[in-house]
């Protein structure tokens, strides 16, 4: 055997030995542990606004188990932030109440997604689930998203659907009162029908103006979807 060939063989053997040693010295992750690691990394990138990298981690986890609720939740919120609403809704809708750690976070995202898609009745249903089960709700992966956003969506969408869903505006006003620091609107007292220092001739108009001033809630929590909060301007 030539010297060159012996050196090559020795080098290959050394590399193989090092790979074997490293492999034996490392704890092999179970599929569940691997998914958990990828999901944790995905949320870290999500929190820093690196959504494409976050998506890559969640997608890698999905290859292992596409039905894992934590994976679907990560993908759903990431798609939402990327304004990919249909994909977000598809991922989030797969998460059932049995997934206790993911379900309310999924409903919160769906409330925002459905609102942006102008499916106001569905947005109401999703947001009501969140505030009913957890009145002080906060998204653990982004604390800008909380119960205030859900109350905003409920008040706005009940107002938009008031002819069918809230004819006396009681639901609209109940959720508005939770997030509005101004004196409450009294249906029986036109003197309270104010917003931003102006008095309005009807209660719905005053409620609308109050809500317009509160759009920052959703804009802070769901950007870039927030840039097109649905419905108010058309009321």
C-alpha atoms as a PDB file:
ATOM      1  CA  UNK A   1       0.000   0.000   0.000  1.00  0.00           C
ATOM      2  CA  UNK A   2       1.406   3.414  -0.908  1.00  0.00           C
ATOM      3  CA  UNK A   3       2.195   5.999   1.752  1.00  0.00           C
ATOM      4  CA  UNK A   4      -0.450   8.355   0.364  1.00  0.00           C
ATOM      5  CA  UNK A   5      -3.100   5.652   0.472  1.00  0.00           C
ATOM      6  CA  UNK A   6      -2.154   4.696   4.038  1.00  0.00           C
ATOM      7  CA  UNK A   7      -2.412   8.334   5.129  1.00  0.00           C
ATOM      8  CA  UNK A   8      -5.867   8.645   3.529  1.00  0.00           C
ATOM      9  CA  UNK A   9      -7.090   5.446   5.156  1.00  0.00           C
ATOM     10  CA  UNK A  10      -5.780   6.568   8.539  1.00  0.00           C
ATOM     11  CA  UNK A  11      -7.515   9.925   8.202  1.00  0.00           C
ATOM     12  CA  UNK A  12     -10.852   8.299   7.334  1.00  0.00           C
ATOM     13  CA  UNK A  13     -10.496   5.925  10.261  1.00  0.00           C
ATOM     14  CA  UNK A  14      -9.785   8.826  12.613  1.00  0.00           C
ATOM     15  CA  UNK A  15     -12.833  10.761  11.437  1.00  0.00           C
ATOM     16  CA  UNK A  16     -15.006   7.669  11.805  1.00  0.00           C
ATOM     17  CA  UNK A  17     -13.686   7.125  15.324  1.00  0.00           C
ATOM     18  CA  UNK A  18     -14.399  10.739  16.306  1.00  0.00           C
ATOM     19  CA  UNK A  19     -17.938  10.516  14.949  1.00  0.00           C
ATOM     20  CA  UNK A  20     -18.453   7.306  16.920  1.00  0.00           C
ATOM     21  CA  UNK A  21     -17.117   8.857  20.128  1.00  0.00           C
ATOM     22  CA  UNK A  22     -19.209  12.001  19.772  1.00  0.00           C
ATOM     23  CA  UNK A  23     -22.290   9.966  18.938  1.00  0.00           C
ATOM     24  CA  UNK A  24     -21.836   7.670  21.907  1.00  0.00           C
ATOM     25  CA  UNK A  25     -21.164  10.571  24.229  1.00  0.00           C
ATOM     26  CA  UNK A  26     -24.305  12.466  23.214  1.00  0.00           C
ATOM     27  CA  UNK A  27     -27.801  11.764  24.495  1.00  0.00           C
ATOM     28  CA  UNK A  28     -30.009  10.881  21.578  1.00  0.00           C
ATOM     29  CA  UNK A  29     -33.254  12.862  21.660  1.00  0.00           C
ATOM     30  CA  UNK A  30     -36.573  11.101  21.466  1.00  0.00           C
ATOM     31  CA  UNK A  31     -39.005  12.397  18.805  1.00  0.00           C
ATOM     32  CA  UNK A  32     -40.957  14.205  21.531  1.00  0.00           C
ATOM     33  CA  UNK A  33     -37.811  15.834  22.915  1.00  0.00           C
ATOM     34  CA  UNK A  34     -36.698  16.825  19.431  1.00  0.00           C
ATOM     35  CA  UNK A  35     -40.071  18.449  18.738  1.00  0.00           C
ATOM     36  CA  UNK A  36     -39.960  20.301  22.061  1.00  0.00           C
ATOM     37  CA  UNK A  37     -36.481  21.619  21.294  1.00  0.00           C
ATOM     38  CA  UNK A  38     -37.467  22.819  17.827  1.00  0.00           C
ATOM     39  CA  UNK A  39     -40.655  24.443  19.099  1.00  0.00           C
ATOM     40  CA  UNK A  40     -38.745  26.231  21.853  1.00  0.00           C
ATOM     41  CA  UNK A  41     -36.272  27.550  19.290  1.00  0.00           C
ATOM     42  CA  UNK A  42     -39.144  28.559  17.004  1.00  0.00           C
ATOM     43  CA  UNK A  43     -40.764  30.694  19.700  1.00  0.00           C
ATOM     44  CA  UNK A  44     -37.446  32.382  20.468  1.00  0.00           C
ATOM     45  CA  UNK A  45     -37.134  33.462  16.844  1.00  0.00           C
ATOM     46  CA  UNK A  46     -40.816  34.438  16.843  1.00  0.00           C
ATOM     47  CA  UNK A  47     -40.264  36.686  19.869  1.00  0.00           C
ATOM     48  CA  UNK A  48     -37.408  38.469  18.115  1.00  0.00           C
ATOM     49  CA  UNK A  49     -39.438  39.010  14.945  1.00  0.00           C
ATOM     50  CA  UNK A  50     -37.456  36.520  12.845  1.00  0.00           C
ATOM     51  CA  UNK A  51     -40.574  34.885  11.469  1.00  0.00           C
ATOM     52  CA  UNK A  52     -39.053  33.046   8.513  1.00  0.00           C
ATOM     53  CA  UNK A  53     -36.542  31.343  10.810  1.00  0.00           C
ATOM     54  CA  UNK A  54     -39.279  30.617  13.344  1.00  0.00           C
ATOM     55  CA  UNK A  55     -41.373  29.036  10.621  1.00  0.00           C
ATOM     56  CA  UNK A  56     -38.425  26.882   9.544  1.00  0.00           C
ATOM     57  CA  UNK A  57     -38.102  25.485  13.073  1.00  0.00           C
ATOM     58  CA  UNK A  58     -41.813  24.790  13.363  1.00  0.00           C
ATOM     59  CA  UNK A  59     -41.852  23.172   9.914  1.00  0.00           C
ATOM     60  CA  UNK A  60     -38.928  20.966  10.894  1.00  0.00           C
ATOM     61  CA  UNK A  61     -40.903  19.868  13.939  1.00  0.00           C
ATOM     62  CA  UNK A  62     -43.941  19.244  11.740  1.00  0.00           C
ATOM     63  CA  UNK A  63     -41.929  16.738   9.717  1.00  0.00           C
ATOM     64  CA  UNK A  64     -41.638  14.670  12.890  1.00  0.00           C
ATOM     65  CA  UNK A  65     -45.281  15.090  13.939  1.00  0.00           C
ATOM     66  CA  UNK A  66     -47.535  17.317  11.850  1.00  0.00           C
ATOM     67  CA  UNK A  67     -50.407  16.893  14.300  1.00  0.00           C
ATOM     68  CA  UNK A  68     -48.605  18.151  17.388  1.00  0.00           C
ATOM     69  CA  UNK A  69     -50.694  21.038  18.829  1.00  0.00           C
ATOM     70  CA  UNK A  70     -47.610  23.000  19.872  1.00  0.00           C
ATOM     71  CA  UNK A  71     -46.279  22.825  16.334  1.00  0.00           C
ATOM     72  CA  UNK A  72     -49.612  23.912  14.829  1.00  0.00           C
ATOM     73  CA  UNK A  73     -49.796  26.786  17.301  1.00  0.00           C
ATOM     74  CA  UNK A  74     -46.321  28.007  16.397  1.00  0.00           C
ATOM     75  CA  UNK A  75     -47.071  27.818  12.698  1.00  0.00           C
ATOM     76  CA  UNK A  76     -50.437  29.517  13.140  1.00  0.00           C
ATOM     77  CA  UNK A  77     -49.089  32.530  15.026  1.00  0.00           C
ATOM     78  CA  UNK A  78     -46.130  32.797  12.673  1.00  0.00           C
ATOM     79  CA  UNK A  79     -48.394  32.759   9.619  1.00  0.00           C
ATOM     80  CA  UNK A  80     -50.556  35.412  11.295  1.00  0.00           C
ATOM     81  CA  UNK A  81     -47.563  37.694  11.764  1.00  0.00           C
ATOM     82  CA  UNK A  82     -46.604  37.098   8.143  1.00  0.00           C
ATOM     83  CA  UNK A  83     -50.151  38.058   7.070  1.00  0.00           C
ATOM     84  CA  UNK A  84     -50.765  34.583   5.640  1.00  0.00           C
ATOM     85  CA  UNK A  85     -54.263  34.433   7.038  1.00  0.00           C
ATOM     86  CA  UNK A  86     -55.663  31.344   5.324  1.00  0.00           C
ATOM     87  CA  UNK A  87     -52.653  29.259   6.342  1.00  0.00           C
ATOM     88  CA  UNK A  88     -52.886  30.607   9.879  1.00  0.00           C
ATOM     89  CA  UNK A  89     -56.565  29.717  10.165  1.00  0.00           C
ATOM     90  CA  UNK A  90     -55.950  26.229   8.786  1.00  0.00           C
ATOM     91  CA  UNK A  91     -53.216  25.468  11.317  1.00  0.00           C
ATOM     92  CA  UNK A  92     -54.970  27.008  14.320  1.00  0.00           C
ATOM     93  CA  UNK A  93     -58.357  25.413  13.666  1.00  0.00           C
ATOM     94  CA  UNK A  94     -56.788  21.958  14.112  1.00  0.00           C
ATOM     95  CA  UNK A  95     -56.105  22.639  17.792  1.00  0.00           C
ATOM     96  CA  UNK A  96     -58.883  21.212  19.970  1.00  0.00           C
ATOM     97  CA  UNK A  97     -59.806  21.827  23.632  1.00  0.00           C
ATOM     98  CA  UNK A  98     -57.954  18.614  24.480  1.00  0.00           C
ATOM     99  CA  UNK A  99     -54.688  20.512  23.880  1.00  0.00           C
ATOM    100  CA  UNK A 100     -54.941  22.461  27.120  1.00  0.00           C
ATOM    101  CA  UNK A 101     -51.655  24.308  26.720  1.00  0.00           C
ATOM    102  CA  UNK A 102     -52.388  25.518  23.202  1.00  0.00           C
ATOM    103  CA  UNK A 103     -56.148  25.863  22.820  1.00  0.00           C
ATOM    104  CA  UNK A 104     -56.741  29.357  24.228  1.00  0.00           C
ATOM    105  CA  UNK A 105     -53.672  30.732  22.445  1.00  0.00           C
ATOM    106  CA  UNK A 106     -55.056  29.283  19.220  1.00  0.00           C
ATOM    107  CA  UNK A 107     -58.493  30.847  19.814  1.00  0.00           C
ATOM    108  CA  UNK A 108     -56.879  34.233  20.499  1.00  0.00           C
ATOM    109  CA  UNK A 109     -55.020  34.073  17.199  1.00  0.00           C
ATOM    110  CA  UNK A 110     -58.155  32.936  15.375  1.00  0.00           C
ATOM    111  CA  UNK A 111     -60.102  35.879  16.803  1.00  0.00           C
ATOM    112  CA  UNK A 112     -57.571  38.201  15.156  1.00  0.00           C
ATOM    113  CA  UNK A 113     -57.404  36.211  11.924  1.00  0.00           C
ATOM    114  CA  UNK A 114     -61.179  35.962  11.505  1.00  0.00           C
ATOM    115  CA  UNK A 115     -61.542  39.679  12.171  1.00  0.00           C
ATOM    116  CA  UNK A 116     -58.987  40.473   9.480  1.00  0.00           C
ATOM    117  CA  UNK A 117     -60.895  38.153   7.125  1.00  0.00           C
ATOM    118  CA  UNK A 118     -64.131  40.053   7.982  1.00  0.00           C
ATOM    119  CA  UNK A 119     -65.675  36.917   9.480  1.00  0.00           C
ATOM    120  CA  UNK A 120     -66.890  38.886  12.469  1.00  0.00           C
ATOM    121  CA  UNK A 121     -69.204  36.223  13.907  1.00  0.00           C
ATOM    122  CA  UNK A 122     -66.352  33.713  14.035  1.00  0.00           C
ATOM    123  CA  UNK A 123     -64.074  36.312  15.590  1.00  0.00           C
ATOM    124  CA  UNK A 124     -66.653  36.856  18.334  1.00  0.00           C
ATOM    125  CA  UNK A 125     -66.915  33.129  19.036  1.00  0.00           C
ATOM    126  CA  UNK A 126     -63.141  32.695  19.305  1.00  0.00           C
ATOM    127  CA  UNK A 127     -62.602  35.776  21.474  1.00  0.00           C
ATOM    128  CA  UNK A 128     -65.467  34.823  23.803  1.00  0.00           C
ATOM    129  CA  UNK A 129     -63.892  31.438  24.431  1.00  0.00           C
ATOM    130  CA  UNK A 130     -60.684  33.169  25.508  1.00  0.00           C
ATOM    131  CA  UNK A 131     -62.174  35.734  27.896  1.00  0.00           C
ATOM    132  CA  UNK A 132     -64.705  33.257  29.309  1.00  0.00           C
ATOM    133  CA  UNK A 133     -62.086  30.680  30.229  1.00  0.00           C
ATOM    134  CA  UNK A 134     -59.336  33.140  31.189  1.00  0.00           C
ATOM    135  CA  UNK A 135     -60.548  36.714  31.915  1.00  0.00           C
ATOM    136  CA  UNK A 136     -56.972  37.934  32.426  1.00  0.00           C
ATOM    137  CA  UNK A 137     -55.605  36.172  29.362  1.00  0.00           C
ATOM    138  CA  UNK A 138     -52.037  36.913  28.182  1.00  0.00           C
ATOM    139  CA  UNK A 139     -50.245  35.219  25.288  1.00  0.00           C
ATOM    140  CA  UNK A 140     -47.180  33.695  26.926  1.00  0.00           C
ATOM    141  CA  UNK A 141     -45.130  33.996  23.761  1.00  0.00           C
ATOM    142  CA  UNK A 142     -45.848  37.720  23.265  1.00  0.00           C
ATOM    143  CA  UNK A 143     -47.285  39.647  26.200  1.00  0.00           C
ATOM    144  CA  UNK A 144     -48.514  42.427  23.926  1.00  0.00           C
ATOM    145  CA  UNK A 145     -51.430  40.117  23.139  1.00  0.00           C
ATOM    146  CA  UNK A 146     -53.882  39.874  26.019  1.00  0.00           C
ATOM    147  CA  UNK A 147     -57.510  40.065  27.184  1.00  0.00           C
ATOM    148  CA  UNK A 148     -57.735  43.705  26.087  1.00  0.00           C
ATOM    149  CA  UNK A 149     -57.357  42.685  22.458  1.00  0.00           C
ATOM    150  CA  UNK A 150     -60.105  40.113  22.857  1.00  0.00           C
ATOM    151  CA  UNK A 151     -62.454  42.647  24.492  1.00  0.00           C
ATOM    152  CA  UNK A 152     -61.711  45.128  21.731  1.00  0.00           C
ATOM    153  CA  UNK A 153     -62.621  42.575  19.066  1.00  0.00           C
ATOM    154  CA  UNK A 154     -65.770  41.576  20.917  1.00  0.00           C
ATOM    155  CA  UNK A 155     -66.957  45.170  21.313  1.00  0.00           C
ATOM    156  CA  UNK A 156     -66.132  46.092  17.727  1.00  0.00           C
ATOM    157  CA  UNK A 157     -67.643  43.044  16.120  1.00  0.00           C
ATOM    158  CA  UNK A 158     -70.784  43.080  18.229  1.00  0.00           C
ATOM    159  CA  UNK A 159     -71.233  46.694  17.119  1.00  0.00           C
ATOM    160  CA  UNK A 160     -70.707  45.768  13.482  1.00  0.00           C
ATOM    161  CA  UNK A 161     -73.246  42.931  13.788  1.00  0.00           C
ATOM    162  CA  UNK A 162     -75.528  44.807  16.149  1.00  0.00           C
ATOM    163  CA  UNK A 163     -78.604  44.551  13.948  1.00  0.00           C
ATOM    164  CA  UNK A 164     -78.607  40.782  14.414  1.00  0.00           C
ATOM    165  CA  UNK A 165     -76.353  40.015  17.382  1.00  0.00           C
ATOM    166  CA  UNK A 166     -76.625  43.009  19.725  1.00  0.00           C
ATOM    167  CA  UNK A 167     -79.622  45.242  18.956  1.00  0.00           C
ATOM    168  CA  UNK A 168     -79.553  47.012  22.336  1.00  0.00           C
ATOM    169  CA  UNK A 169     -75.744  47.327  22.279  1.00  0.00           C
ATOM    170  CA  UNK A 170     -75.514  45.757  25.742  1.00  0.00           C
ATOM    171  CA  UNK A 171     -72.765  43.354  24.683  1.00  0.00           C
ATOM    172  CA  UNK A 172     -70.888  46.034  22.775  1.00  0.00           C
ATOM    173  CA  UNK A 173     -70.937  48.361  25.777  1.00  0.00           C
ATOM    174  CA  UNK A 174     -70.019  45.630  28.259  1.00  0.00           C
ATOM    175  CA  UNK A 175     -66.789  44.755  26.478  1.00  0.00           C
ATOM    176  CA  UNK A 176     -66.024  48.368  25.593  1.00  0.00           C
ATOM    177  CA  UNK A 177     -66.262  49.333  29.259  1.00  0.00           C
ATOM    178  CA  UNK A 178     -63.539  46.825  30.128  1.00  0.00           C
ATOM    179  CA  UNK A 179     -60.944  48.584  27.988  1.00  0.00           C
ATOM    180  CA  UNK A 180     -62.143  52.203  27.784  1.00  0.00           C
ATOM    181  CA  UNK A 181     -60.893  54.599  30.447  1.00  0.00           C
ATOM    182  CA  UNK A 182     -63.491  57.263  29.621  1.00  0.00           C
ATOM    183  CA  UNK A 183     -66.799  57.415  31.544  1.00  0.00           C
ATOM    184  CA  UNK A 184     -69.153  54.640  30.459  1.00  0.00           C
ATOM    185  CA  UNK A 185     -71.675  55.208  27.719  1.00  0.00           C
ATOM    186  CA  UNK A 186     -75.188  55.162  29.190  1.00  0.00           C
ATOM    187  CA  UNK A 187     -77.873  54.112  26.691  1.00  0.00           C
ATOM    188  CA  UNK A 188     -80.418  56.236  28.582  1.00  0.00           C
ATOM    189  CA  UNK A 189     -78.308  59.367  28.898  1.00  0.00           C
ATOM    190  CA  UNK A 190     -77.356  61.142  25.644  1.00  0.00           C
ATOM    191  CA  UNK A 191     -75.058  63.415  27.635  1.00  0.00           C
ATOM    192  CA  UNK A 192     -72.652  60.467  27.967  1.00  0.00           C
ATOM    193  CA  UNK A 193     -72.534  59.790  24.233  1.00  0.00           C
ATOM    194  CA  UNK A 194     -69.115  61.351  23.945  1.00  0.00           C
ATOM    195  CA  UNK A 195     -65.759  60.409  22.473  1.00  0.00           C
ATOM    196  CA  UNK A 196     -62.571  62.437  22.264  1.00  0.00           C
ATOM    197  CA  UNK A 197     -64.273  65.525  23.685  1.00  0.00           C
ATOM    198  CA  UNK A 198     -67.129  65.481  21.174  1.00  0.00           C
ATOM    199  CA  UNK A 199     -70.773  64.544  21.741  1.00  0.00           C
ATOM    200  CA  UNK A 200     -72.569  62.378  19.182  1.00  0.00           C
ATOM    201  CA  UNK A 201     -76.223  62.175  18.274  1.00  0.00           C
ATOM    202  CA  UNK A 202     -76.557  58.404  18.549  1.00  0.00           C
ATOM    203  CA  UNK A 203     -75.185  55.757  20.885  1.00  0.00           C
ATOM    204  CA  UNK A 204     -73.760  53.561  18.066  1.00  0.00           C
ATOM    205  CA  UNK A 205     -71.828  56.515  16.660  1.00  0.00           C
ATOM    206  CA  UNK A 206     -70.353  57.337  20.064  1.00  0.00           C
ATOM    207  CA  UNK A 207     -69.377  53.682  20.600  1.00  0.00           C
ATOM    208  CA  UNK A 208     -67.802  53.601  17.164  1.00  0.00           C
ATOM    209  CA  UNK A 209     -65.687  56.679  17.871  1.00  0.00           C
ATOM    210  CA  UNK A 210     -64.568  55.208  21.200  1.00  0.00           C
ATOM    211  CA  UNK A 211     -63.492  52.019  19.420  1.00  0.00           C
ATOM    212  CA  UNK A 212     -61.635  53.894  16.704  1.00  0.00           C
ATOM    213  CA  UNK A 213     -59.526  55.482  19.432  1.00  0.00           C
ATOM    214  CA  UNK A 214     -58.704  52.021  20.785  1.00  0.00           C
ATOM    215  CA  UNK A 215     -57.487  50.439  17.554  1.00  0.00           C
ATOM    216  CA  UNK A 216     -53.934  50.645  18.917  1.00  0.00           C
ATOM    217  CA  UNK A 217     -54.713  47.569  21.012  1.00  0.00           C
ATOM    218  CA  UNK A 218     -54.887  45.304  17.990  1.00  0.00           C
ATOM    219  CA  UNK A 219     -52.292  47.282  16.072  1.00  0.00           C
ATOM    220  CA  UNK A 220     -49.750  46.684  18.830  1.00  0.00           C
ATOM    221  CA  UNK A 221     -50.489  43.000  19.193  1.00  0.00           C
ATOM    222  CA  UNK A 222     -50.977  41.640  15.701  1.00  0.00           C
ATOM    223  CA  UNK A 223     -48.897  43.695  13.303  1.00  0.00           C
ATOM    224  CA  UNK A 224     -48.755  43.534  10.339  1.00  0.00           C
ATOM    225  CA  UNK A 225     -52.329  42.181  10.295  1.00  0.00           C
ATOM    226  CA  UNK A 226     -53.149  44.998  12.682  1.00  0.00           C
ATOM    227  CA  UNK A 227     -52.631  47.530   9.948  1.00  0.00           C
ATOM    228  CA  UNK A 228     -55.978  46.543   8.494  1.00  0.00           C
ATOM    229  CA  UNK A 229     -58.322  46.124  11.421  1.00  0.00           C
ATOM    230  CA  UNK A 230     -61.507  45.143   9.659  1.00  0.00           C
ATOM    231  CA  UNK A 231     -64.866  46.796   9.581  1.00  0.00           C
ATOM    232  CA  UNK A 232     -64.730  50.025  11.544  1.00  0.00           C
ATOM    233  CA  UNK A 233     -64.253  52.456   8.689  1.00  0.00           C
ATOM    234  CA  UNK A 234     -67.187  50.928   6.865  1.00  0.00           C
ATOM    235  CA  UNK A 235     -69.635  51.233   9.745  1.00  0.00           C
END
